[in-house]
C-alpha atoms as a PDB file:
ATOM      1  CA  MET A   1     -33.450 -55.303 -39.741  1.00  0.00           C
ATOM      2  CA  LYS A   2     -32.268 -52.221 -41.568  1.00  0.00           C
ATOM      3  CA  THR A   3     -34.034 -49.865 -39.103  1.00  0.00           C
ATOM      4  CA  ASN A   4     -32.576 -51.769 -36.185  1.00  0.00           C
ATOM      5  CA  ARG A   5     -29.108 -51.281 -37.620  1.00  0.00           C
ATOM      6  CA  GLN A   6     -29.743 -47.539 -38.143  1.00  0.00           C
ATOM      7  CA  VAL A   7     -30.889 -47.122 -34.543  1.00  0.00           C
ATOM      8  CA  SER A   8     -27.786 -48.949 -33.339  1.00  0.00           C
ATOM      9  CA  THR A   9     -25.605 -46.714 -35.479  1.00  0.00           C
ATOM     10  CA  TRP A  10     -27.218 -43.556 -34.078  1.00  0.00           C
ATOM     11  CA  ILE A  11     -26.835 -44.750 -30.499  1.00  0.00           C
ATOM     12  CA  LEU A  12     -23.195 -45.646 -31.086  1.00  0.00           C
ATOM     13  CA  ALA A  13     -22.526 -42.225 -32.644  1.00  0.00           C
ATOM     14  CA  LEU A  14     -24.221 -40.481 -29.740  1.00  0.00           C
ATOM     15  CA  VAL A  15     -22.227 -42.427 -27.138  1.00  0.00           C
ATOM     16  CA  LEU A  16     -18.914 -41.817 -28.900  1.00  0.00           C
ATOM     17  CA  SER A  17     -19.514 -38.085 -29.329  1.00  0.00           C
ATOM     18  CA  SER A  18     -20.644 -37.576 -25.738  1.00  0.00           C
ATOM     19  CA  SER A  19     -17.748 -39.615 -24.311  1.00  0.00           C
ATOM     20  CA  SER A  20     -15.192 -37.481 -26.141  1.00  0.00           C
ATOM     21  CA  ALA A  21     -16.887 -34.326 -24.874  1.00  0.00           C
ATOM     22  CA  LEU A  22     -16.758 -35.700 -21.337  1.00  0.00           C
ATOM     23  CA  GLY A  23     -13.114 -36.585 -21.752  1.00  0.00           C
ATOM     24  CA  TRP A  24     -12.228 -33.012 -22.741  1.00  0.00           C
ATOM     25  CA  SER A  25     -14.130 -31.496 -19.850  1.00  0.00           C
ATOM     26  CA  LEU A  26     -12.335 -33.519 -17.193  1.00  0.00           C
ATOM     27  CA  GLN A  27      -9.325 -32.159 -15.332  1.00  0.00           C
ATOM     28  CA  SER A  28      -6.100 -32.843 -17.092  1.00  0.00           C
ATOM     29  CA  THR A  29      -3.783 -31.766 -14.258  1.00  0.00           C
ATOM     30  CA  PRO A  30      -4.018 -33.235 -10.784  1.00  0.00           C
ATOM     31  CA  SER A  31      -2.428 -30.096  -9.263  1.00  0.00           C
ATOM     32  CA  GLN A  32      -5.803 -28.358  -9.219  1.00  0.00           C
ATOM     33  CA  ASP A  33      -6.905 -30.154  -6.083  1.00  0.00           C
ATOM     34  CA  SER A  34     -10.392 -29.215  -4.963  1.00  0.00           C
ATOM     35  CA  GLY A  35     -10.346 -31.562  -2.013  1.00  0.00           C
ATOM     36  CA  ALA A  36     -10.422 -30.995   1.722  1.00  0.00           C
ATOM     37  CA  LYS A  37      -6.911 -29.548   1.840  1.00  0.00           C
ATOM     38  CA  GLN A  38      -7.735 -26.790  -0.655  1.00  0.00           C
ATOM     39  CA  ASP A  39     -11.024 -26.109   1.131  1.00  0.00           C
ATOM     40  CA  MET A  40      -9.109 -25.591   4.380  1.00  0.00           C
ATOM     41  CA  LYS A  41      -6.689 -23.228   2.637  1.00  0.00           C
ATOM     42  CA  ASP A  42      -9.568 -21.245   1.159  1.00  0.00           C
ATOM     43  CA  ALA A  43     -11.263 -21.050   4.554  1.00  0.00           C
ATOM     44  CA  GLY A  44      -8.037 -19.776   6.081  1.00  0.00           C
ATOM     45  CA  HIS A  45      -7.687 -17.062   3.459  1.00  0.00           C
ATOM     46  CA  ASP A  46     -11.324 -16.028   3.892  1.00  0.00           C
ATOM     47  CA  THR A  47     -10.881 -15.837   7.663  1.00  0.00           C
ATOM     48  CA  LYS A  48      -7.737 -13.731   7.265  1.00  0.00           C
ATOM     49  CA  ASN A  49      -9.516 -11.301   4.974  1.00  0.00           C
ATOM     50  CA  ALA A  50     -12.517 -11.067   7.308  1.00  0.00           C
ATOM     51  CA  VAL A  51     -10.284 -10.275  10.282  1.00  0.00           C
ATOM     52  CA  LYS A  52      -8.445  -7.601   8.296  1.00  0.00           C
ATOM     53  CA  SER A  53     -11.745  -6.023   7.305  1.00  0.00           C
ATOM     54  CA  ALA A  54     -13.026  -6.079  10.893  1.00  0.00           C
ATOM     55  CA  GLY A  55      -9.772  -4.529  12.118  1.00  0.00           C
ATOM     56  CA  ARG A  56     -10.075  -1.695   9.612  1.00  0.00           C
ATOM     57  CA  GLY A  57     -13.658  -1.065  10.724  1.00  0.00           C
ATOM     58  CA  THR A  58     -12.602  -0.991  14.363  1.00  0.00           C
ATOM     59  CA  LYS A  59      -9.808   1.451  13.582  1.00  0.00           C
ATOM     60  CA  GLN A  60     -12.216   3.727  11.697  1.00  0.00           C
ATOM     61  CA  GLY A  61     -14.773   3.640  14.528  1.00  0.00           C
ATOM     62  CA  THR A  62     -12.129   4.326  17.158  1.00  0.00           C
ATOM     63  CA  LYS A  63     -10.790   7.336  15.245  1.00  0.00           C
ATOM     64  CA  LYS A  64     -14.296   8.715  14.819  1.00  0.00           C
ATOM     65  CA  ALA A  65     -15.099   8.303  18.521  1.00  0.00           C
ATOM     66  CA  TYR A  66     -11.780   9.882  19.517  1.00  0.00           C
ATOM     67  CA  HIS A  67     -12.344  12.947  17.356  1.00  0.00           C
ATOM     68  CA  ALA A  68     -15.952  13.341  18.523  1.00  0.00           C
ATOM     69  CA  THR A  69     -14.861  13.146  22.169  1.00  0.00           C
ATOM     70  CA  LYS A  70     -12.039  15.619  21.566  1.00  0.00           C
ATOM     71  CA  ASN A  71     -14.364  18.119  19.871  1.00  0.00           C
ATOM     72  CA  GLY A  72     -17.036  17.705  22.564  1.00  0.00           C
ATOM     73  CA  THR A  73     -14.469  18.269  25.291  1.00  0.00           C
ATOM     74  CA  LYS A  74     -13.195  21.440  23.613  1.00  0.00           C
ATOM     75  CA  LYS A  75     -16.741  22.731  23.211  1.00  0.00           C
ATOM     76  CA  ALA A  76     -17.574  22.053  26.867  1.00  0.00           C
ATOM     77  CA  TRP A  77     -14.316  23.679  27.986  1.00  0.00           C
ATOM     78  CA  ASN A  78     -14.987  26.827  25.972  1.00  0.00           C
ATOM     79  CA  LYS A  79     -18.577  27.131  27.244  1.00  0.00           C
ATOM     80  CA  THR A  80     -17.462  26.594  30.849  1.00  0.00           C
ATOM     81  CA  LYS A  81     -14.658  29.121  30.443  1.00  0.00           C
ATOM     82  CA  SER A  82     -16.962  31.838  29.091  1.00  0.00           C
ATOM     83  CA  THR A  83     -19.657  31.113  31.696  1.00  0.00           C
ATOM     84  CA  THR A  84     -17.130  31.210  34.519  1.00  0.00           C
ATOM     85  CA  LYS A  85     -15.646  34.442  33.197  1.00  0.00           C
ATOM     86  CA  GLY A  86     -19.123  35.986  33.015  1.00  0.00           C
ATOM     87  CA  ALA A  87     -19.916  34.883  36.552  1.00  0.00           C
ATOM     88  CA  VAL A  88     -16.641  36.296  37.863  1.00  0.00           C
ATOM     89  CA  ASP A  89     -17.152  39.577  36.040  1.00  0.00           C
ATOM     90  CA  GLY A  90     -20.725  39.771  37.330  1.00  0.00           C
ATOM     91  CA  GLY A  91     -19.527  39.061  40.859  1.00  0.00           C
ATOM     92  CA  LYS A  92     -16.921  41.813  40.610  1.00  0.00           C
ATOM     93  CA  ALA A  93     -19.480  44.286  39.321  1.00  0.00           C
ATOM     94  CA  GLY A  94     -21.868  43.316  42.102  1.00  0.00           C
ATOM     95  CA  ALA A  95     -19.160  43.758  44.729  1.00  0.00           C
ATOM     96  CA  LYS A  96     -18.397  47.277  43.490  1.00  0.00           C
ATOM     97  CA  GLU A  97     -22.022  48.400  43.672  1.00  0.00           C
ATOM     98  CA  PRO A  98     -23.410  48.979  47.124  1.00  0.00           C
ATOM     99  CA  PRO A  99     -26.460  46.919  48.015  1.00  0.00           C
ATOM    100  CA  GLN A 100     -29.726  48.870  48.022  1.00  0.00           C
END
C-alpha cells in the first residue's frame, strides 16, 4: 500500500511539473498570429524581395552587356578606320607609281 501511494505521489508530481512547464511555453498574446493570414503576408514579403533581387540582377547584366557592346563597337571602329586609311594610302602610292 505504501509503495502504491509513493508511485501515485511521483506521478502526480510529474504531471503537475510538466503542466506548469507547458503553460509557460504557450503563447500569452494572441497578436502573434501564425495562421493563414500571416503566412500570406510572409509570402508576399518574400515575393517582393525576390522580385527586387531579380531586378537588380537584370540591371547589372544589362549594364555589363551595354558596356561590352560599346567597347566592342569602338574597337571595331578603330580597326576599320586604320585598315581603311592603310588601304587608301596604299592606293594613292600605287597610283603614283607607274605600272611595270
